[in-house]
Amino acid sequence: MFKRIGLFVLTNLAILLAINVVLALLRALGVFDSVQAFGSYGPLLLLSAVVGFSGSLISLLISKWMAKWSTGAKVVGVPQNDGERWLLDTVKRHADRTGIKMPEVAIYDAPEMNAFATGPSRNNSLVAVSTGLLQQLEREELDAVLGHEVAHVANGDMVTLALIQGVLNTFVFFFSRIIGNLVDSLLRSRDDDRDSGPGVGYWVATFAAEIVLGVFAMLIVQWFSRRREFRADEGGASLAGRSSMIAALRRLGGSEGSRLPDSIAAFGITPKRSGILRWFSSHPPIEERIARLRASPA
């Protein structure tokens, strides 16, 4: 728990530092000199992009370190046994077939059957598996799971997801303030002193708009996340065999669900168990993933 809190604090401090550095640079260049309280949409959009992309891009850049630290994953350098040697050889084989640089391979101690891939680029990535996965799956099924994770890397899913999140964050920040200004203007009388800054209506409307728009942004991100799971399943089937991928998914469907930290849970092959609507889920139901594989051309 304390590790997650520390990680959250450090990440947000890094984001705030990056935002302040960029804003200071923009002010030094005179970008905001002629702007009063977001009176111009151009500078507001620029500021929105700085705020919107900073968090997602910083999270992407530190994703490997964050994943190792939050799960306690240990990178396998020199294999210590046949299992580790097979693990490295299998990831290398899949990486060569998909044309990416060999990812770092790590093992983290957890009873759940899970694996994830992360990293800032196709050639700077990490594939990690749980001890529970290694102990409970047959090698043909493990082969498919590793193919699924390598497919995530080869498809550039981590980068694409970060960019989509950045774009959506930008528009949430931008339009919530447009709505706040509109509501504030409607609530003010002509005699109000507008030089005193935005009123209470601005802050309340902006806060409410951020919540509503943020929900819609989350729906879009999760929709994309579900699509990339289908693609990674197809990648795993292509690399390790359709029957092996289906068998692996069937085994994973009987597990208790992901216990990965929230920051990387979307990248695990096993979804979190949740009672919320499937629209808010980062993974499609296992049964739907199996049906999609069976229906796709061999």
Protein backbone atom coordinates (compact mmCIF):
# COMPACT_ATOMS: atom_id res chain seq x y z
CA MET A 1 0.00 0.00 0.00
CA PHE A 2 2.75 2.45 0.98
CA LYS A 3 4.58 1.63 -2.24
CA ARG A 4 1.52 2.57 -4.31
CA ILE A 5 1.09 5.83 -2.39
CA GLY A 6 4.75 6.70 -2.88
CA LEU A 7 4.54 5.89 -6.58
CA PHE A 8 1.43 8.04 -6.95
CA VAL A 9 3.09 10.99 -5.19
CA LEU A 10 6.33 10.72 -7.19
CA THR A 11 4.50 10.45 -10.52
CA ASN A 12 2.32 13.46 -9.83
CA LEU A 13 5.29 15.52 -8.62
CA ALA A 14 7.08 14.73 -11.88
CA ILE A 15 3.99 15.74 -13.86
CA LEU A 16 3.60 19.01 -11.96
CA LEU A 17 7.30 19.79 -12.42
CA ALA A 18 7.08 19.16 -16.17
CA ILE A 19 3.96 21.33 -16.51
CA ASN A 20 5.55 24.19 -14.57
CA VAL A 21 8.76 24.02 -16.61
CA VAL A 22 6.86 24.13 -19.90
CA LEU A 23 4.57 26.93 -18.74
CA ALA A 24 7.54 28.94 -17.50
CA LEU A 25 9.17 28.51 -20.90
CA LEU A 26 6.00 29.63 -22.69
CA ARG A 27 5.75 32.69 -20.48
CA ALA A 28 9.41 33.52 -21.09
CA LEU A 29 8.73 33.37 -24.83
CA GLY A 30 5.83 35.79 -24.38
CA VAL A 31 3.13 33.37 -25.49
CA PHE A 32 0.71 34.48 -22.77
CA ASP A 33 1.58 38.19 -22.68
CA SER A 34 -1.50 39.29 -24.61
CA VAL A 35 -3.86 36.83 -22.98
CA GLN A 36 -6.11 37.72 -20.06
CA ALA A 37 -7.86 34.94 -18.16
CA PHE A 38 -8.09 32.62 -21.20
CA GLY A 39 -9.57 35.33 -23.37
CA SER A 40 -8.15 33.68 -26.47
CA TYR A 41 -8.90 30.12 -27.50
CA GLY A 42 -5.47 29.58 -29.11
CA PRO A 43 -3.41 29.97 -25.92
CA LEU A 44 -6.06 28.05 -23.97
CA LEU A 45 -5.75 25.14 -26.38
CA LEU A 46 -1.96 25.28 -26.07
CA LEU A 47 -2.19 25.26 -22.29
CA SER A 48 -4.71 22.41 -22.47
CA ALA A 49 -2.30 20.37 -24.60
CA VAL A 50 0.53 20.96 -22.13
CA VAL A 51 -1.62 19.81 -19.23
CA GLY A 52 -3.31 17.01 -21.21
CA PHE A 53 -0.20 15.37 -22.63
CA SER A 54 2.21 15.88 -19.74
CA GLY A 55 0.68 13.24 -17.51
CA SER A 56 0.21 10.56 -20.16
CA LEU A 57 3.65 11.04 -21.73
CA ILE A 58 5.50 11.10 -18.40
CA SER A 59 3.64 7.95 -17.36
CA LEU A 60 4.67 6.34 -20.65
CA LEU A 61 8.34 7.31 -20.26
CA ILE A 62 8.58 5.88 -16.74
CA SER A 63 6.26 2.93 -17.38
CA LYS A 64 8.95 0.24 -17.22
CA TRP A 65 10.40 1.55 -13.98
CA MET A 66 6.93 2.05 -12.53
CA ALA A 67 5.87 -1.51 -13.44
CA LYS A 68 8.98 -3.08 -11.93
CA TRP A 69 8.72 -1.03 -8.77
CA SER A 70 5.00 -1.51 -8.20
CA THR A 71 5.01 -5.28 -8.79
CA GLY A 72 8.48 -6.11 -7.50
CA ALA A 73 9.29 -7.72 -10.87
CA LYS A 74 12.85 -9.00 -11.26
CA VAL A 75 14.43 -8.84 -14.70
CA VAL A 76 15.81 -12.17 -15.92
CA GLY A 77 19.35 -11.48 -17.11
CA VAL A 78 21.32 -14.72 -17.11
CA PRO A 79 18.80 -17.61 -16.80
CA GLN A 80 19.21 -19.63 -13.62
CA ASN A 81 17.21 -22.69 -14.67
CA ASP A 82 15.53 -24.36 -17.64
CA GLY A 83 12.27 -22.49 -17.04
CA GLU A 84 13.92 -19.07 -17.25
CA ARG A 85 15.94 -20.15 -20.28
CA TRP A 86 12.76 -21.29 -22.04
CA LEU A 87 11.06 -18.01 -21.09
CA LEU A 88 13.83 -15.90 -22.62
CA ASP A 89 14.07 -18.07 -25.73
CA THR A 90 10.30 -17.90 -26.31
CA VAL A 91 10.11 -14.11 -25.97
CA LYS A 92 13.15 -13.79 -28.26
CA ARG A 93 11.52 -16.00 -30.88
CA HIS A 94 8.31 -13.95 -30.84
CA ALA A 95 10.25 -10.66 -30.88
CA ASP A 96 12.25 -11.79 -33.92
CA ARG A 97 9.10 -12.82 -35.78
CA THR A 98 7.41 -9.47 -35.13
CA GLY A 99 10.51 -7.42 -35.93
CA ILE A 100 11.00 -5.72 -32.55
CA LYS A 101 14.02 -5.49 -30.29
CA MET A 102 14.17 -8.13 -27.57
CA PRO A 103 12.12 -6.84 -24.61
CA GLU A 104 13.34 -7.07 -21.06
CA VAL A 105 11.80 -10.17 -19.48
CA ALA A 106 10.82 -10.15 -15.82
CA ILE A 107 9.08 -12.36 -13.27
CA TYR A 108 7.03 -11.03 -10.37
CA ASP A 109 5.88 -12.98 -7.35
CA ALA A 110 2.08 -13.31 -7.33
CA PRO A 111 -0.30 -16.29 -7.11
CA GLU A 112 -2.56 -14.93 -9.86
CA MET A 113 -2.17 -16.05 -13.46
CA ASN A 114 -1.23 -12.88 -15.27
CA ALA A 115 1.29 -11.21 -17.56
CA PHE A 116 1.72 -7.72 -18.92
CA ALA A 117 3.78 -5.70 -21.36
CA THR A 118 4.75 -2.05 -21.06
CA GLY A 119 7.41 0.41 -22.15
CA PRO A 120 7.83 3.71 -24.00
CA SER A 121 8.43 2.19 -27.44
CA ARG A 122 8.48 -1.00 -29.51
CA ASN A 123 12.23 -1.29 -29.02
CA ASN A 124 12.29 -0.36 -25.34
CA SER A 125 9.77 -2.60 -23.66
CA LEU A 126 9.19 -5.02 -20.80
CA VAL A 127 7.31 -8.31 -20.75
CA ALA A 128 6.58 -9.62 -17.24
CA VAL A 129 4.87 -12.79 -16.05
CA SER A 130 3.65 -13.84 -12.62
CA THR A 131 4.96 -16.86 -10.77
CA GLY A 132 1.37 -18.12 -10.67
CA LEU A 133 1.20 -18.09 -14.46
CA LEU A 134 4.48 -19.98 -14.78
CA GLN A 135 3.36 -22.61 -12.29
CA GLN A 136 -0.17 -23.23 -13.54
CA LEU A 137 -0.09 -23.06 -17.33
CA GLU A 138 1.24 -25.61 -19.76
CA ARG A 139 4.09 -24.41 -21.96
CA GLU A 140 1.88 -24.28 -25.06
CA GLU A 141 -0.45 -21.96 -23.17
CA LEU A 142 2.44 -19.90 -21.81
CA ASP A 143 3.77 -19.61 -25.34
CA ALA A 144 0.47 -18.07 -26.43
CA VAL A 145 0.36 -15.66 -23.48
CA LEU A 146 3.89 -14.47 -24.28
CA GLY A 147 2.88 -14.08 -27.92
CA HIS A 148 -0.09 -11.97 -26.80
CA GLU A 149 2.20 -9.65 -24.80
CA VAL A 150 4.79 -9.36 -27.57
CA ALA A 151 1.95 -8.53 -29.97
CA HIS A 152 0.98 -5.63 -27.68
CA VAL A 153 4.53 -4.30 -28.01
CA ALA A 154 4.71 -4.88 -31.77
CA ASN A 155 1.36 -3.14 -32.27
CA GLY A 156 2.62 -0.09 -30.36
CA ASP A 157 -0.36 -0.26 -28.01
CA MET A 158 1.33 1.49 -25.10
CA VAL A 159 2.31 4.52 -27.17
CA THR A 160 -1.05 4.72 -28.93
CA LEU A 161 -2.96 4.49 -25.68
CA ALA A 162 -0.84 7.27 -24.16
CA LEU A 163 -1.44 9.52 -27.19
CA ILE A 164 -5.19 8.87 -27.15
CA GLN A 165 -5.27 9.64 -23.43
CA GLY A 166 -3.31 12.84 -24.03
CA VAL A 167 -5.67 14.03 -26.77
CA LEU A 168 -8.73 13.31 -24.65
CA ASN A 169 -7.20 14.99 -21.59
CA THR A 170 -6.52 18.05 -23.75
CA PHE A 171 -10.10 18.34 -24.93
CA VAL A 172 -11.53 17.72 -21.45
CA PHE A 173 -9.38 20.52 -20.05
CA PHE A 174 -10.16 22.83 -22.99
CA PHE A 175 -13.91 22.38 -23.29
CA SER A 176 -14.54 22.32 -19.53
CA ARG A 177 -13.06 25.81 -19.34
CA ILE A 178 -15.02 26.98 -22.36
CA ILE A 179 -18.18 25.76 -20.64
CA GLY A 180 -17.08 27.40 -17.39
CA ASN A 181 -16.58 30.76 -19.14
CA LEU A 182 -19.97 30.46 -20.85
CA VAL A 183 -21.81 29.72 -17.60
CA ASP A 184 -19.92 32.47 -15.81
CA SER A 185 -20.91 34.97 -18.50
CA LEU A 186 -24.57 33.96 -18.29
CA LEU A 187 -24.62 34.34 -14.49
CA ARG A 188 -22.89 37.72 -14.35
CA SER A 189 -24.70 41.01 -14.80
CA ARG A 190 -23.39 43.73 -17.07
CA ASP A 191 -22.27 45.77 -14.07
CA ASP A 192 -20.05 43.05 -12.63
CA ASP A 193 -16.33 43.76 -12.60
CA ARG A 194 -14.90 41.28 -15.07
CA ASP A 195 -11.33 42.36 -14.36
CA SER A 196 -11.61 40.71 -10.96
CA GLY A 197 -11.35 37.30 -12.57
CA PRO A 198 -13.77 34.42 -12.99
CA GLY A 199 -16.62 34.05 -10.54
CA VAL A 200 -17.98 31.12 -8.59
CA GLY A 201 -20.05 30.03 -11.59
CA TYR A 202 -16.89 29.50 -13.62
CA TRP A 203 -15.27 27.22 -11.07
CA VAL A 204 -18.41 25.17 -10.36
CA ALA A 205 -19.26 24.74 -14.05
CA THR A 206 -15.67 23.88 -14.96
CA PHE A 207 -15.48 21.25 -12.21
CA ALA A 208 -18.80 19.69 -13.24
CA ALA A 209 -17.86 19.72 -16.93
CA GLU A 210 -14.52 18.03 -16.19
CA ILE A 211 -16.34 15.19 -14.43
CA VAL A 212 -18.90 14.67 -17.21
CA LEU A 213 -16.41 15.02 -20.07
CA GLY A 214 -13.93 12.86 -18.17
CA VAL A 215 -16.45 10.02 -18.06
CA PHE A 216 -16.94 10.19 -21.82
CA ALA A 217 -13.16 10.30 -22.31
CA MET A 218 -12.80 7.19 -20.14
CA LEU A 219 -15.39 5.36 -22.26
CA ILE A 220 -13.35 6.12 -25.41
CA VAL A 221 -10.08 4.99 -23.83
CA GLN A 222 -11.61 1.75 -22.57
CA TRP A 223 -13.22 1.08 -25.95
CA PHE A 224 -9.80 1.32 -27.58
CA SER A 225 -8.28 -0.83 -24.85
CA ARG A 226 -10.80 -3.59 -25.56
CA ARG A 227 -10.04 -3.41 -29.29
CA ARG A 228 -6.30 -3.78 -28.67
CA GLU A 229 -6.95 -6.90 -26.56
CA PHE A 230 -8.66 -8.53 -29.54
CA ARG A 231 -5.69 -7.61 -31.74
CA ALA A 232 -3.19 -8.97 -29.22
CA ASP A 233 -5.18 -12.22 -28.97
CA GLU A 234 -4.92 -12.54 -32.75
CA GLY A 235 -1.20 -11.82 -32.49
CA GLY A 236 -0.76 -14.51 -29.86
CA ALA A 237 -2.71 -16.97 -32.02
CA SER A 238 -0.51 -16.14 -35.01
CA LEU A 239 2.72 -16.59 -33.05
CA ALA A 240 1.84 -19.64 -30.94
CA GLY A 241 -1.18 -21.23 -32.57
CA ARG A 242 -4.90 -20.54 -32.35
CA SER A 243 -5.66 -23.60 -30.22
CA SER A 244 -2.97 -22.63 -27.71
CA MET A 245 -4.29 -19.06 -27.45
CA ILE A 246 -7.84 -20.29 -26.92
CA ALA A 247 -6.69 -22.82 -24.31
CA ALA A 248 -4.75 -20.10 -22.47
CA LEU A 249 -7.74 -17.76 -22.44
CA ARG A 250 -9.99 -20.55 -21.19
CA ARG A 251 -7.60 -21.20 -18.28
CA LEU A 252 -7.32 -17.48 -17.51
CA GLY A 253 -11.11 -17.17 -17.56
CA GLY A 254 -11.30 -19.43 -14.52
CA SER A 255 -8.88 -17.32 -12.46
CA GLU A 256 -9.83 -14.85 -9.74
CA GLY A 257 -8.97 -11.78 -11.80
CA SER A 258 -6.10 -9.34 -11.92
CA ARG A 259 -4.50 -7.94 -8.80
CA LEU A 260 -2.09 -5.72 -10.70
CA PRO A 261 -1.75 -2.09 -9.57
CA ASP A 262 -4.23 0.20 -11.29
CA SER A 263 -1.47 1.96 -13.24
CA ILE A 264 -0.70 -1.20 -15.24
CA ALA A 265 -3.85 -3.31 -14.80
CA ALA A 266 -5.06 -2.39 -18.31
CA PHE A 267 -1.93 -4.01 -19.75
CA GLY A 268 -2.40 -7.36 -18.00
CA ILE A 269 -3.79 -10.25 -20.01
CA THR A 270 -6.19 -11.12 -17.15
CA PRO A 271 -8.77 -8.40 -16.46
CA LYS A 272 -9.80 -7.10 -13.07
CA ARG A 273 -13.05 -8.52 -11.75
CA SER A 274 -15.56 -5.70 -11.46
CA GLY A 275 -19.29 -5.23 -11.16
CA ILE A 276 -19.29 -2.04 -13.23
CA LEU A 277 -20.69 -1.86 -16.74
CA ARG A 278 -18.57 -3.54 -19.39
CA TRP A 279 -18.23 -0.16 -21.16
CA PHE A 280 -15.84 0.88 -18.40
CA SER A 281 -13.78 -2.31 -18.62
CA SER A 282 -10.33 -2.32 -20.23
CA HIS A 283 -10.79 -5.95 -21.34
CA PRO A 284 -13.58 -7.73 -23.22
CA PRO A 285 -15.10 -10.78 -21.49
CA ILE A 286 -12.96 -13.89 -21.89
CA GLU A 287 -15.86 -15.71 -23.57
CA GLU A 288 -16.11 -12.98 -26.20
CA ARG A 289 -12.37 -13.09 -26.84
CA ILE A 290 -12.51 -16.86 -27.36
CA ALA A 291 -15.53 -16.55 -29.67
CA ARG A 292 -13.75 -13.88 -31.72
CA LEU A 293 -10.71 -16.13 -32.17
CA ARG A 294 -12.85 -19.11 -33.19
CA ALA A 295 -14.73 -17.02 -35.73
CA SER A 296 -11.67 -15.39 -37.29
CA PRO A 297 -10.04 -16.99 -40.37
CA ALA A 298 -7.37 -19.54 -39.53
